[in-house]
Amino acid sequence: MNKKITYGSIDEYISTFATEVQVILQSIRQVIKESAPDAKEKISYQMPTFELHGNLVHFAAFKHHIGFYPAPDGVEAFKEEIEPYHTSKGTIQFPIDQPIPYELIRKIVLFRVARNTEKANSKKVKKKS
């Protein structure tokens, strides 16, 4: 019987990878922290997750790529810029053997912060009316 791996923190998750992958994951984490300083870190779906008025972004390492999960609106809003990468509804895959587009990740995170904040503020307005 396979025991499901569970992680208690993002540090614990990152520590399970090879050094070169750890460097990439820590860099992505840093970009997200700088772009969303009020976001909280947690593990969700067994992946590093940042939360701000709900899930902001997730990321994870795989054998050949880094999965970045900015929700479907984060993929849709940047479809031209992410064209070189494999994508699906809410996922972008960055190949590990190519330079990671940290600036693009920053732009997507800033977009998601604005989107989640906007949604949270409109919910507050609805509650007041």
N, C-alpha and C. Protein backbone atom coordinates (compact mmCIF):
# COMPACT_ATOMS: atom_id res chain seq x y z
N MET A 1 0.85 -1.18 0.00
CA MET A 1 0.00 0.00 0.00
C MET A 1 0.89 1.24 0.00
N ASN A 2 0.65 2.16 -0.92
CA ASN A 2 1.43 3.39 -1.01
C ASN A 2 0.98 4.36 0.05
N LYS A 3 1.96 4.89 0.78
CA LYS A 3 1.66 5.91 1.78
C LYS A 3 1.73 7.27 1.07
N LYS A 4 0.66 8.03 1.17
CA LYS A 4 0.63 9.34 0.52
C LYS A 4 1.58 10.28 1.26
N ILE A 5 2.41 10.98 0.49
CA ILE A 5 3.34 11.93 1.08
C ILE A 5 2.59 13.20 1.42
N THR A 6 2.80 13.68 2.63
CA THR A 6 2.20 14.96 3.00
C THR A 6 3.32 15.88 3.49
N TYR A 7 3.20 17.14 3.15
CA TYR A 7 4.20 18.13 3.52
C TYR A 7 3.61 19.09 4.54
N GLY A 8 4.41 19.46 5.54
CA GLY A 8 3.95 20.37 6.56
C GLY A 8 4.19 21.83 6.21
N SER A 9 5.10 22.07 5.27
CA SER A 9 5.44 23.46 4.92
C SER A 9 6.05 23.50 3.53
N ILE A 10 6.14 24.70 2.99
CA ILE A 10 6.78 24.87 1.69
C ILE A 10 8.27 24.51 1.78
N ASP A 11 8.90 24.87 2.89
CA ASP A 11 10.32 24.50 3.07
C ASP A 11 10.51 22.99 3.00
N GLU A 12 9.62 22.27 3.66
CA GLU A 12 9.71 20.81 3.66
C GLU A 12 9.52 20.27 2.24
N TYR A 13 8.55 20.81 1.52
CA TYR A 13 8.30 20.39 0.13
C TYR A 13 9.56 20.61 -0.71
N ILE A 14 10.09 21.82 -0.67
CA ILE A 14 11.25 22.18 -1.50
C ILE A 14 12.46 21.31 -1.17
N SER A 15 12.63 20.97 0.11
CA SER A 15 13.81 20.20 0.54
C SER A 15 13.85 18.79 -0.05
N THR A 16 12.75 18.32 -0.62
CA THR A 16 12.73 16.96 -1.16
C THR A 16 13.29 16.85 -2.57
N PHE A 17 13.67 17.99 -3.17
CA PHE A 17 14.14 17.99 -4.55
C PHE A 17 15.66 18.17 -4.63
N ALA A 18 16.20 17.86 -5.80
CA ALA A 18 17.62 18.07 -6.07
C ALA A 18 17.96 19.55 -5.93
N THR A 19 19.19 19.85 -5.59
CA THR A 19 19.62 21.22 -5.32
C THR A 19 19.25 22.19 -6.43
N GLU A 20 19.49 21.82 -7.69
CA GLU A 20 19.20 22.75 -8.79
C GLU A 20 17.70 23.05 -8.89
N VAL A 21 16.86 22.08 -8.56
CA VAL A 21 15.41 22.30 -8.57
C VAL A 21 15.01 23.15 -7.35
N GLN A 22 15.65 22.90 -6.22
CA GLN A 22 15.39 23.72 -5.03
C GLN A 22 15.64 25.20 -5.31
N VAL A 23 16.71 25.49 -6.04
CA VAL A 23 17.05 26.88 -6.37
C VAL A 23 15.92 27.51 -7.19
N ILE A 24 15.41 26.78 -8.17
CA ILE A 24 14.30 27.29 -8.99
C ILE A 24 13.06 27.52 -8.13
N LEU A 25 12.72 26.53 -7.31
CA LEU A 25 11.52 26.64 -6.47
C LEU A 25 11.63 27.81 -5.49
N GLN A 26 12.81 27.98 -4.89
CA GLN A 26 13.00 29.11 -3.95
C GLN A 26 12.91 30.44 -4.69
N SER A 27 13.40 30.48 -5.91
CA SER A 27 13.32 31.71 -6.71
C SER A 27 11.88 32.05 -7.05
N ILE A 28 11.11 31.05 -7.43
CA ILE A 28 9.68 31.27 -7.72
C ILE A 28 8.98 31.75 -6.45
N ARG A 29 9.27 31.09 -5.36
CA ARG A 29 8.67 31.48 -4.07
C ARG A 29 8.99 32.93 -3.74
N GLN A 30 10.24 33.34 -3.97
CA GLN A 30 10.67 34.72 -3.68
C GLN A 30 9.93 35.72 -4.57
N VAL A 31 9.79 35.40 -5.84
CA VAL A 31 9.07 36.28 -6.78
C VAL A 31 7.62 36.45 -6.30
N ILE A 32 7.00 35.36 -5.88
CA ILE A 32 5.61 35.42 -5.41
C ILE A 32 5.53 36.26 -4.14
N LYS A 33 6.46 36.03 -3.19
CA LYS A 33 6.46 36.81 -1.94
C LYS A 33 6.61 38.31 -2.21
N GLU A 34 7.50 38.67 -3.13
CA GLU A 34 7.73 40.08 -3.46
C GLU A 34 6.50 40.68 -4.15
N SER A 35 5.83 39.89 -4.97
CA SER A 35 4.69 40.38 -5.74
C SER A 35 3.40 40.39 -4.92
N ALA A 36 3.35 39.55 -3.91
CA ALA A 36 2.15 39.43 -3.07
C ALA A 36 2.57 39.36 -1.60
N PRO A 37 3.11 40.47 -1.07
CA PRO A 37 3.67 40.42 0.29
C PRO A 37 2.64 40.09 1.38
N ASP A 38 1.36 40.30 1.11
CA ASP A 38 0.34 39.99 2.12
C ASP A 38 -0.20 38.57 2.01
N ALA A 39 0.21 37.85 1.00
CA ALA A 39 -0.28 36.48 0.81
C ALA A 39 0.30 35.56 1.88
N LYS A 40 -0.48 34.57 2.24
CA LYS A 40 -0.06 33.57 3.23
C LYS A 40 0.41 32.31 2.50
N GLU A 41 1.46 31.72 3.02
CA GLU A 41 1.98 30.47 2.45
C GLU A 41 1.30 29.28 3.12
N LYS A 42 1.03 28.26 2.32
CA LYS A 42 0.52 27.02 2.88
C LYS A 42 0.76 25.90 1.87
N ILE A 43 0.47 24.70 2.28
CA ILE A 43 0.48 23.56 1.36
C ILE A 43 -0.98 23.24 1.07
N SER A 44 -1.33 23.16 -0.21
CA SER A 44 -2.68 22.79 -0.60
C SER A 44 -2.54 21.87 -1.81
N TYR A 45 -3.31 20.81 -1.85
CA TYR A 45 -3.17 19.79 -2.90
C TYR A 45 -1.73 19.26 -2.95
N GLN A 46 -1.07 19.23 -1.80
CA GLN A 46 0.33 18.78 -1.68
C GLN A 46 1.29 19.61 -2.52
N MET A 47 0.95 20.90 -2.71
CA MET A 47 1.80 21.82 -3.48
C MET A 47 1.98 23.11 -2.69
N PRO A 48 3.11 23.79 -2.87
CA PRO A 48 3.25 25.13 -2.31
C PRO A 48 2.16 26.03 -2.87
N THR A 49 1.50 26.74 -1.98
CA THR A 49 0.36 27.57 -2.34
C THR A 49 0.47 28.92 -1.66
N PHE A 50 0.06 29.95 -2.35
CA PHE A 50 -0.06 31.27 -1.75
C PHE A 50 -1.52 31.64 -1.79
N GLU A 51 -1.99 32.19 -0.69
CA GLU A 51 -3.40 32.50 -0.54
C GLU A 51 -3.56 33.97 -0.18
N LEU A 52 -4.46 34.63 -0.88
CA LEU A 52 -4.81 36.02 -0.61
C LEU A 52 -6.25 36.19 -1.08
N HIS A 53 -7.17 36.29 -0.15
CA HIS A 53 -8.60 36.32 -0.49
C HIS A 53 -8.94 35.06 -1.29
N GLY A 54 -8.47 33.93 -0.84
CA GLY A 54 -8.63 32.66 -1.56
C GLY A 54 -7.31 32.27 -2.20
N ASN A 55 -7.31 31.15 -2.91
CA ASN A 55 -6.07 30.68 -3.55
C ASN A 55 -5.60 31.70 -4.58
N LEU A 56 -4.32 32.02 -4.50
CA LEU A 56 -3.71 32.97 -5.42
C LEU A 56 -3.00 32.20 -6.53
N VAL A 57 -1.96 31.45 -6.17
CA VAL A 57 -1.23 30.59 -7.12
C VAL A 57 -0.68 29.38 -6.36
N HIS A 58 -0.46 28.31 -7.11
CA HIS A 58 0.23 27.11 -6.62
C HIS A 58 1.42 26.91 -7.57
N PHE A 59 2.42 26.17 -7.08
CA PHE A 59 3.49 25.73 -7.98
C PHE A 59 4.01 24.40 -7.50
N ALA A 60 4.63 23.65 -8.40
CA ALA A 60 5.12 22.32 -8.04
C ALA A 60 6.20 21.90 -9.03
N ALA A 61 7.08 21.04 -8.56
CA ALA A 61 8.15 20.53 -9.42
C ALA A 61 7.81 19.12 -9.87
N PHE A 62 8.14 18.85 -11.12
CA PHE A 62 7.96 17.53 -11.70
C PHE A 62 9.29 17.14 -12.37
N LYS A 63 9.35 15.97 -12.92
CA LYS A 63 10.61 15.48 -13.48
C LYS A 63 11.20 16.43 -14.53
N HIS A 64 10.36 16.94 -15.43
CA HIS A 64 10.87 17.74 -16.54
C HIS A 64 10.38 19.18 -16.56
N HIS A 65 9.51 19.54 -15.63
CA HIS A 65 8.97 20.91 -15.66
C HIS A 65 8.56 21.39 -14.27
N ILE A 66 8.34 22.70 -14.20
CA ILE A 66 7.73 23.31 -13.03
C ILE A 66 6.30 23.63 -13.42
N GLY A 67 5.36 23.14 -12.65
CA GLY A 67 3.96 23.47 -12.89
C GLY A 67 3.63 24.74 -12.13
N PHE A 68 3.00 25.67 -12.80
CA PHE A 68 2.59 26.94 -12.18
C PHE A 68 1.09 27.05 -12.41
N TYR A 69 0.35 27.26 -11.34
CA TYR A 69 -1.11 27.19 -11.38
C TYR A 69 -1.72 28.52 -10.94
N PRO A 70 -1.94 29.43 -11.89
CA PRO A 70 -2.49 30.75 -11.54
C PRO A 70 -4.00 30.84 -11.75
N ALA A 71 -4.70 29.70 -11.76
CA ALA A 71 -6.14 29.65 -12.01
C ALA A 71 -6.41 29.96 -13.48
N PRO A 72 -7.57 29.56 -13.97
CA PRO A 72 -7.85 29.79 -15.40
C PRO A 72 -7.74 31.25 -15.85
N ASP A 73 -8.14 32.20 -15.01
CA ASP A 73 -8.03 33.60 -15.45
C ASP A 73 -6.58 34.05 -15.60
N GLY A 74 -5.69 33.51 -14.80
CA GLY A 74 -4.27 33.83 -14.90
C GLY A 74 -3.63 33.27 -16.16
N VAL A 75 -4.14 32.15 -16.64
CA VAL A 75 -3.66 31.57 -17.90
C VAL A 75 -4.24 32.35 -19.07
N GLU A 76 -5.53 32.59 -19.03
CA GLU A 76 -6.23 33.28 -20.11
C GLU A 76 -5.69 34.69 -20.36
N ALA A 77 -5.43 35.42 -19.28
CA ALA A 77 -4.99 36.82 -19.40
C ALA A 77 -3.61 36.96 -20.04
N PHE A 78 -2.81 35.89 -20.00
CA PHE A 78 -1.44 35.96 -20.51
C PHE A 78 -1.21 34.98 -21.66
N LYS A 79 -2.29 34.61 -22.37
CA LYS A 79 -2.15 33.53 -23.35
C LYS A 79 -1.12 33.79 -24.44
N GLU A 80 -0.93 35.06 -24.84
CA GLU A 80 0.10 35.32 -25.85
C GLU A 80 1.51 35.12 -25.27
N GLU A 81 1.72 35.62 -24.05
CA GLU A 81 3.05 35.52 -23.45
C GLU A 81 3.43 34.09 -23.05
N ILE A 82 2.43 33.26 -22.78
CA ILE A 82 2.72 31.89 -22.36
C ILE A 82 2.64 30.90 -23.51
N GLU A 83 2.43 31.42 -24.72
CA GLU A 83 2.31 30.57 -25.90
C GLU A 83 3.44 29.55 -26.06
N PRO A 84 4.71 29.91 -25.74
CA PRO A 84 5.78 28.92 -25.93
C PRO A 84 5.71 27.73 -24.96
N TYR A 85 4.86 27.81 -23.94
CA TYR A 85 4.81 26.78 -22.91
C TYR A 85 3.57 25.91 -23.06
N HIS A 86 3.68 24.69 -22.56
CA HIS A 86 2.52 23.80 -22.53
C HIS A 86 1.56 24.35 -21.46
N THR A 87 0.30 24.50 -21.83
CA THR A 87 -0.69 25.02 -20.88
C THR A 87 -1.94 24.16 -20.93
N SER A 88 -2.74 24.29 -19.89
CA SER A 88 -4.09 23.75 -19.89
C SER A 88 -4.94 24.76 -19.14
N LYS A 89 -6.16 24.43 -18.82
CA LYS A 89 -7.11 25.40 -18.28
C LYS A 89 -6.53 26.32 -17.18
N GLY A 90 -5.86 25.78 -16.19
CA GLY A 90 -5.34 26.62 -15.11
C GLY A 90 -3.86 26.39 -14.83
N THR A 91 -3.14 25.85 -15.83
CA THR A 91 -1.76 25.41 -15.63
C THR A 91 -0.82 25.92 -16.71
N ILE A 92 0.39 26.26 -16.28
CA ILE A 92 1.46 26.57 -17.23
C ILE A 92 2.64 25.69 -16.83
N GLN A 93 3.27 25.04 -17.80
CA GLN A 93 4.43 24.20 -17.52
C GLN A 93 5.69 24.87 -18.05
N PHE A 94 6.64 25.13 -17.14
CA PHE A 94 7.92 25.71 -17.52
C PHE A 94 8.96 24.60 -17.51
N PRO A 95 9.54 24.25 -18.67
CA PRO A 95 10.55 23.19 -18.71
C PRO A 95 11.75 23.53 -17.80
N ILE A 96 12.17 22.55 -17.04
CA ILE A 96 13.29 22.75 -16.10
C ILE A 96 14.60 23.03 -16.84
N ASP A 97 14.73 22.48 -18.07
CA ASP A 97 15.99 22.66 -18.80
C ASP A 97 16.05 23.96 -19.59
N GLN A 98 15.09 24.86 -19.38
CA GLN A 98 15.10 26.18 -20.03
C GLN A 98 15.02 27.25 -18.94
N PRO A 99 15.44 28.48 -19.28
CA PRO A 99 15.36 29.56 -18.27
C PRO A 99 13.91 29.76 -17.81
N ILE A 100 13.73 29.88 -16.52
CA ILE A 100 12.40 30.10 -15.95
C ILE A 100 12.05 31.59 -16.13
N PRO A 101 10.87 31.91 -16.66
CA PRO A 101 10.51 33.31 -16.91
C PRO A 101 9.98 34.01 -15.64
N TYR A 102 10.90 34.34 -14.75
CA TYR A 102 10.50 34.92 -13.45
C TYR A 102 9.72 36.22 -13.60
N GLU A 103 10.06 37.03 -14.59
CA GLU A 103 9.34 38.29 -14.80
C GLU A 103 7.89 38.02 -15.21
N LEU A 104 7.70 37.03 -16.02
CA LEU A 104 6.34 36.63 -16.41
C LEU A 104 5.57 36.11 -15.20
N ILE A 105 6.21 35.33 -14.37
CA ILE A 105 5.58 34.83 -13.14
C ILE A 105 5.16 36.02 -12.27
N ARG A 106 6.04 37.00 -12.16
CA ARG A 106 5.74 38.21 -11.37
C ARG A 106 4.48 38.91 -11.91
N LYS A 107 4.42 39.08 -13.23
CA LYS A 107 3.27 39.75 -13.84
C LYS A 107 1.97 38.98 -13.60
N ILE A 108 2.05 37.67 -13.70
CA ILE A 108 0.86 36.84 -13.49
C ILE A 108 0.42 36.92 -12.03
N VAL A 109 1.37 36.87 -11.10
CA VAL A 109 1.03 36.97 -9.67
C VAL A 109 0.39 38.33 -9.37
N LEU A 110 0.95 39.40 -9.91
CA LEU A 110 0.36 40.74 -9.70
C LEU A 110 -1.06 40.81 -10.25
N PHE A 111 -1.27 40.19 -11.40
CA PHE A 111 -2.61 40.11 -11.98
C PHE A 111 -3.56 39.37 -11.04
N ARG A 112 -3.11 38.23 -10.51
CA ARG A 112 -3.95 37.42 -9.61
C ARG A 112 -4.23 38.17 -8.30
N VAL A 113 -3.25 38.91 -7.78
CA VAL A 113 -3.47 39.72 -6.57
C VAL A 113 -4.58 40.73 -6.84
N ALA A 114 -4.48 41.44 -7.96
CA ALA A 114 -5.49 42.45 -8.31
C ALA A 114 -6.86 41.79 -8.47
N ARG A 115 -6.89 40.65 -9.13
CA ARG A 115 -8.16 39.95 -9.38
C ARG A 115 -8.80 39.49 -8.06
N ASN A 116 -8.01 38.84 -7.20
CA ASN A 116 -8.56 38.35 -5.93
C ASN A 116 -8.98 39.50 -5.01
N THR A 117 -8.21 40.58 -5.02
CA THR A 117 -8.53 41.74 -4.17
C THR A 117 -9.82 42.39 -4.66
N GLU A 118 -9.94 42.50 -5.98
CA GLU A 118 -11.15 43.07 -6.59
C GLU A 118 -12.38 42.24 -6.20
N LYS A 119 -12.27 40.92 -6.31
CA LYS A 119 -13.38 40.03 -5.95
C LYS A 119 -13.74 40.18 -4.47
N ALA A 120 -12.72 40.23 -3.60
CA ALA A 120 -12.96 40.36 -2.16
C ALA A 120 -13.64 41.70 -1.85
N ASN A 121 -13.19 42.77 -2.50
CA ASN A 121 -13.79 44.09 -2.27
C ASN A 121 -15.22 44.14 -2.77
N SER A 122 -15.52 43.51 -3.88
CA SER A 122 -16.89 43.54 -4.39
C SER A 122 -17.81 42.73 -3.48
N LYS A 123 -17.29 41.68 -2.85
CA LYS A 123 -18.09 40.91 -1.89
C LYS A 123 -18.41 41.76 -0.67
N LYS A 124 -17.43 42.55 -0.21
CA LYS A 124 -17.65 43.45 0.94
C LYS A 124 -18.73 44.47 0.62
N VAL A 125 -18.69 45.02 -0.59
CA VAL A 125 -19.66 46.03 -1.01
C VAL A 125 -21.06 45.40 -1.04
N LYS A 126 -21.16 44.18 -1.57
CA LYS A 126 -22.46 43.49 -1.64
C LYS A 126 -23.02 43.25 -0.24
N LYS A 127 -22.15 42.88 0.72
CA LYS A 127 -22.61 42.63 2.08
C LYS A 127 -23.17 43.90 2.74
N LYS A 128 -22.56 45.05 2.41
CA LYS A 128 -23.01 46.32 3.00
C LYS A 128 -24.36 46.75 2.43
N SER A 129 -24.67 46.39 1.18
CA SER A 129 -25.92 46.88 0.58
C SER A 129 -27.14 46.10 1.02
